[in-house]
Amino acid sequence: MIVEVKEITPDNVEMLLAKFNKRPRKTLGDFFGKLKRGIDGLEYQKAMRSEWG
């Protein structure tokens, strides 16, 4: 993405930053419990590790 600024002032910079930063910030807590696979995590790890050996 290219943003062309013809006149650089602190107000223009603040306006452009506000315009392009509309996405809400994510925190680690937003991702807890998102993977619902119906598989026990420990059993999955054991199955994956047994394939290596």
PDB file of N, CA and C in Angstrom:
ATOM      1  N   MET A   1       0.851  -1.164   0.000  1.00  0.00           N
ATOM      2  CA  MET A   1       0.000   0.000   0.000  1.00  0.00           C
ATOM      3  C   MET A   1       0.899   1.231   0.000  1.00  0.00           C
ATOM      4  N   ILE A   2       0.573   2.180  -0.817  1.00  0.00           N
ATOM      5  CA  ILE A   2       1.333   3.425  -0.894  1.00  0.00           C
ATOM      6  C   ILE A   2       0.404   4.560  -0.501  1.00  0.00           C
ATOM      7  N   VAL A   3       0.879   5.393   0.410  1.00  0.00           N
ATOM      8  CA  VAL A   3       0.132   6.571   0.843  1.00  0.00           C
ATOM      9  C   VAL A   3       0.963   7.789   0.478  1.00  0.00           C
ATOM     10  N   GLU A   4       0.401   8.648  -0.313  1.00  0.00           N
ATOM     11  CA  GLU A   4       1.112   9.847  -0.733  1.00  0.00           C
ATOM     12  C   GLU A   4       0.637  11.022   0.105  1.00  0.00           C
ATOM     13  N   VAL A   5       1.581  11.676   0.756  1.00  0.00           N
ATOM     14  CA  VAL A   5       1.274  12.834   1.591  1.00  0.00           C
ATOM     15  C   VAL A   5       1.935  14.041   0.950  1.00  0.00           C
ATOM     16  N   LYS A   6       1.126  15.011   0.564  1.00  0.00           N
ATOM     17  CA  LYS A   6       1.667  16.180  -0.131  1.00  0.00           C
ATOM     18  C   LYS A   6       2.182  17.226   0.850  1.00  0.00           C
ATOM     19  N   GLU A   7       1.536  17.330   1.984  1.00  0.00           N
ATOM     20  CA  GLU A   7       1.950  18.312   2.977  1.00  0.00           C
ATOM     21  C   GLU A   7       2.082  17.587   4.311  1.00  0.00           C
ATOM     22  N   ILE A   8       3.269  17.594   4.871  1.00  0.00           N
ATOM     23  CA  ILE A   8       3.505  16.863   6.103  1.00  0.00           C
ATOM     24  C   ILE A   8       3.336  17.801   7.291  1.00  0.00           C
ATOM     25  N   THR A   9       2.315  17.514   8.061  1.00  0.00           N
ATOM     26  CA  THR A   9       2.077  18.216   9.317  1.00  0.00           C
ATOM     27  C   THR A   9       1.702  17.154  10.356  1.00  0.00           C
ATOM     28  N   PRO A  10       1.870  17.460  11.612  1.00  0.00           N
ATOM     29  CA  PRO A  10       1.481  16.478  12.638  1.00  0.00           C
ATOM     30  C   PRO A  10       0.012  16.069  12.536  1.00  0.00           C
ATOM     31  N   ASP A  11      -0.844  16.984  12.157  1.00  0.00           N
ATOM     32  CA  ASP A  11      -2.267  16.654  12.019  1.00  0.00           C
ATOM     33  C   ASP A  11      -2.504  15.669  10.875  1.00  0.00           C
ATOM     34  N   ASN A  12      -1.809  15.860   9.747  1.00  0.00           N
ATOM     35  CA  ASN A  12      -1.960  14.940   8.623  1.00  0.00           C
ATOM     36  C   ASN A  12      -1.475  13.540   8.996  1.00  0.00           C
ATOM     37  N   VAL A  13      -0.367  13.473   9.699  1.00  0.00           N
ATOM     38  CA  VAL A  13       0.174  12.180  10.091  1.00  0.00           C
ATOM     39  C   VAL A  13      -0.795  11.476  11.036  1.00  0.00           C
ATOM     40  N   GLU A  14      -1.315  12.187  12.011  1.00  0.00           N
ATOM     41  CA  GLU A  14      -2.278  11.593  12.945  1.00  0.00           C
ATOM     42  C   GLU A  14      -3.530  11.117  12.223  1.00  0.00           C
ATOM     43  N   MET A  15      -4.015  11.887  11.256  1.00  0.00           N
ATOM     44  CA  MET A  15      -5.203  11.516  10.508  1.00  0.00           C
ATOM     45  C   MET A  15      -4.955  10.232   9.708  1.00  0.00           C
ATOM     46  N   LEU A  16      -3.791  10.142   9.047  1.00  0.00           N
ATOM     47  CA  LEU A  16      -3.480   8.947   8.263  1.00  0.00           C
ATOM     48  C   LEU A  16      -3.303   7.720   9.152  1.00  0.00           C
ATOM     49  N   LEU A  17      -2.666   7.892  10.290  1.00  0.00           N
ATOM     50  CA  LEU A  17      -2.510   6.772  11.208  1.00  0.00           C
ATOM     51  C   LEU A  17      -3.858   6.286  11.722  1.00  0.00           C
ATOM     52  N   ALA A  18      -4.737   7.196  12.041  1.00  0.00           N
ATOM     53  CA  ALA A  18      -6.067   6.816  12.519  1.00  0.00           C
ATOM     54  C   ALA A  18      -6.861   6.123  11.411  1.00  0.00           C
ATOM     55  N   LYS A  19      -6.673   6.559  10.179  1.00  0.00           N
ATOM     56  CA  LYS A  19      -7.405   5.991   9.055  1.00  0.00           C
ATOM     57  C   LYS A  19      -7.001   4.544   8.785  1.00  0.00           C
ATOM     58  N   PHE A  20      -5.709   4.240   8.886  1.00  0.00           N
ATOM     59  CA  PHE A  20      -5.222   2.917   8.531  1.00  0.00           C
ATOM     60  C   PHE A  20      -5.096   1.966   9.719  1.00  0.00           C
ATOM     61  N   ASN A  21      -5.314   2.425  10.922  1.00  0.00           N
ATOM     62  CA  ASN A  21      -5.227   1.568  12.106  1.00  0.00           C
ATOM     63  C   ASN A  21      -6.600   1.331  12.701  1.00  0.00           C
ATOM     64  N   LYS A  22      -7.562   0.964  11.881  1.00  0.00           N
ATOM     65  CA  LYS A  22      -8.933   0.740  12.353  1.00  0.00           C
ATOM     66  C   LYS A  22      -9.136  -0.655  12.911  1.00  0.00           C
ATOM     67  N   ARG A  23      -8.199  -1.582  12.638  1.00  0.00           N
ATOM     68  CA  ARG A  23      -8.349  -2.940  13.137  1.00  0.00           C
ATOM     69  C   ARG A  23      -8.159  -2.963  14.649  1.00  0.00           C
ATOM     70  N   PRO A  24      -9.012  -3.679  15.352  1.00  0.00           N
ATOM     71  CA  PRO A  24      -8.831  -3.753  16.808  1.00  0.00           C
ATOM     72  C   PRO A  24      -7.588  -4.562  17.147  1.00  0.00           C
ATOM     73  N   ARG A  25      -6.948  -4.201  18.220  1.00  0.00           N
ATOM     74  CA  ARG A  25      -5.750  -4.911  18.668  1.00  0.00           C
ATOM     75  C   ARG A  25      -6.141  -6.266  19.226  1.00  0.00           C
ATOM     76  N   LYS A  26      -5.346  -7.263  18.948  1.00  0.00           N
ATOM     77  CA  LYS A  26      -5.576  -8.608  19.450  1.00  0.00           C
ATOM     78  C   LYS A  26      -4.659  -8.850  20.639  1.00  0.00           C
ATOM     79  N   THR A  27      -5.168  -9.556  21.605  1.00  0.00           N
ATOM     80  CA  THR A  27      -4.359  -9.978  22.731  1.00  0.00           C
ATOM     81  C   THR A  27      -4.328 -11.497  22.746  1.00  0.00           C
ATOM     82  N   LEU A  28      -3.458 -12.057  23.542  1.00  0.00           N
ATOM     83  CA  LEU A  28      -3.354 -13.503  23.614  1.00  0.00           C
ATOM     84  C   LEU A  28      -4.661 -14.116  24.105  1.00  0.00           C
ATOM     85  N   GLY A  29      -5.370 -13.415  24.956  1.00  0.00           N
ATOM     86  CA  GLY A  29      -6.639 -13.912  25.480  1.00  0.00           C
ATOM     87  C   GLY A  29      -7.710 -14.070  24.412  1.00  0.00           C
ATOM     88  N   ASP A  30      -7.577 -13.367  23.300  1.00  0.00           N
ATOM     89  CA  ASP A  30      -8.567 -13.481  22.226  1.00  0.00           C
ATOM     90  C   ASP A  30      -8.518 -14.833  21.533  1.00  0.00           C
ATOM     91  N   PHE A  31      -7.421 -15.567  21.698  1.00  0.00           N
ATOM     92  CA  PHE A  31      -7.245 -16.817  20.979  1.00  0.00           C
ATOM     93  C   PHE A  31      -7.465 -18.054  21.843  1.00  0.00           C
ATOM     94  N   PHE A  32      -7.719 -17.895  23.133  1.00  0.00           N
ATOM     95  CA  PHE A  32      -7.933 -19.049  24.000  1.00  0.00           C
ATOM     96  C   PHE A  32      -9.231 -19.750  23.640  1.00  0.00           C
ATOM     97  N   GLY A  33      -9.171 -21.065  23.536  1.00  0.00           N
ATOM     98  CA  GLY A  33     -10.366 -21.860  23.289  1.00  0.00           C
ATOM     99  C   GLY A  33     -10.887 -21.801  21.866  1.00  0.00           C
ATOM    100  N   LYS A  34     -10.106 -21.342  20.930  1.00  0.00           N
ATOM    101  CA  LYS A  34     -10.582 -21.200  19.560  1.00  0.00           C
ATOM    102  C   LYS A  34     -10.521 -22.496  18.758  1.00  0.00           C
ATOM    103  N   LEU A  35      -9.611 -23.408  19.122  1.00  0.00           N
ATOM    104  CA  LEU A  35      -9.496 -24.662  18.370  1.00  0.00           C
ATOM    105  C   LEU A  35     -10.351 -25.728  19.030  1.00  0.00           C
ATOM    106  N   LYS A  36     -11.462 -26.014  18.444  1.00  0.00           N
ATOM    107  CA  LYS A  36     -12.355 -27.055  18.941  1.00  0.00           C
ATOM    108  C   LYS A  36     -12.308 -28.203  17.954  1.00  0.00           C
ATOM    109  N   ARG A  37     -11.490 -29.208  18.248  1.00  0.00           N
ATOM    110  CA  ARG A  37     -11.339 -30.320  17.326  1.00  0.00           C
ATOM    111  C   ARG A  37     -11.956 -31.597  17.863  1.00  0.00           C
ATOM    112  N   GLY A  38     -12.306 -31.633  19.124  1.00  0.00           N
ATOM    113  CA  GLY A  38     -12.848 -32.853  19.692  1.00  0.00           C
ATOM    114  C   GLY A  38     -11.791 -33.899  19.963  1.00  0.00           C
ATOM    115  N   ILE A  39     -10.531 -33.482  20.014  1.00  0.00           N
ATOM    116  CA  ILE A  39      -9.429 -34.400  20.247  1.00  0.00           C
ATOM    117  C   ILE A  39      -8.758 -34.002  21.559  1.00  0.00           C
ATOM    118  N   ASP A  40      -8.438 -34.998  22.377  1.00  0.00           N
ATOM    119  CA  ASP A  40      -7.706 -34.734  23.597  1.00  0.00           C
ATOM    120  C   ASP A  40      -6.283 -34.314  23.230  1.00  0.00           C
ATOM    121  N   GLY A  41      -5.802 -33.217  23.786  1.00  0.00           N
ATOM    122  CA  GLY A  41      -4.497 -32.683  23.442  1.00  0.00           C
ATOM    123  C   GLY A  41      -3.358 -33.639  23.747  1.00  0.00           C
ATOM    124  N   LEU A  42      -3.426 -34.307  24.891  1.00  0.00           N
ATOM    125  CA  LEU A  42      -2.358 -35.232  25.262  1.00  0.00           C
ATOM    126  C   LEU A  42      -2.327 -36.445  24.333  1.00  0.00           C
ATOM    127  N   GLU A  43      -3.491 -36.968  24.003  1.00  0.00           N
ATOM    128  CA  GLU A  43      -3.551 -38.107  23.077  1.00  0.00           C
ATOM    129  C   GLU A  43      -3.040 -37.710  21.691  1.00  0.00           C
ATOM    130  N   TYR A  44      -3.352 -36.512  21.271  1.00  0.00           N
ATOM    131  CA  TYR A  44      -2.874 -36.024  19.977  1.00  0.00           C
ATOM    132  C   TYR A  44      -1.347 -35.940  19.962  1.00  0.00           C
ATOM    133  N   GLN A  45      -0.760 -35.386  21.033  1.00  0.00           N
ATOM    134  CA  GLN A  45       0.699 -35.285  21.117  1.00  0.00           C
ATOM    135  C   GLN A  45       1.348 -36.665  21.099  1.00  0.00           C
ATOM    136  N   LYS A  46       0.791 -37.603  21.838  1.00  0.00           N
ATOM    137  CA  LYS A  46       1.344 -38.959  21.864  1.00  0.00           C
ATOM    138  C   LYS A  46       1.288 -39.600  20.474  1.00  0.00           C
ATOM    139  N   ALA A  47       0.178 -39.401  19.775  1.00  0.00           N
ATOM    140  CA  ALA A  47       0.035 -39.974  18.439  1.00  0.00           C
ATOM    141  C   ALA A  47       1.040 -39.354  17.470  1.00  0.00           C
ATOM    142  N   MET A  48       1.236 -38.036  17.552  1.00  0.00           N
ATOM    143  CA  MET A  48       2.175 -37.370  16.657  1.00  0.00           C
ATOM    144  C   MET A  48       3.606 -37.790  16.960  1.00  0.00           C
ATOM    145  N   ARG A  49       3.935 -37.950  18.212  1.00  0.00           N
ATOM    146  CA  ARG A  49       5.315 -38.319  18.580  1.00  0.00           C
ATOM    147  C   ARG A  49       5.594 -39.779  18.272  1.00  0.00           C
ATOM    148  N   SER A  50       4.582 -40.623  18.308  1.00  0.00           N
ATOM    149  CA  SER A  50       4.825 -42.029  18.015  1.00  0.00           C
ATOM    150  C   SER A  50       5.104 -42.242  16.527  1.00  0.00           C
ATOM    151  N   GLU A  51       4.675 -41.310  15.678  1.00  0.00           N
ATOM    152  CA  GLU A  51       4.944 -41.415  14.246  1.00  0.00           C
ATOM    153  C   GLU A  51       6.410 -41.151  13.942  1.00  0.00           C
ATOM    154  N   TRP A  52       7.102 -40.428  14.811  1.00  0.00           N
ATOM    155  CA  TRP A  52       8.504 -40.085  14.568  1.00  0.00           C
ATOM    156  C   TRP A  52       9.438 -41.250  14.866  1.00  0.00           C
ATOM    157  N   GLY A  53       9.035 -42.126  15.773  1.00  0.00           N
ATOM    158  CA  GLY A  53       9.975 -43.142  16.242  1.00  0.00           C
ATOM    159  C   GLY A  53       9.754 -44.506  15.729  1.00  0.00           C
TER     160      GLY A  53
END
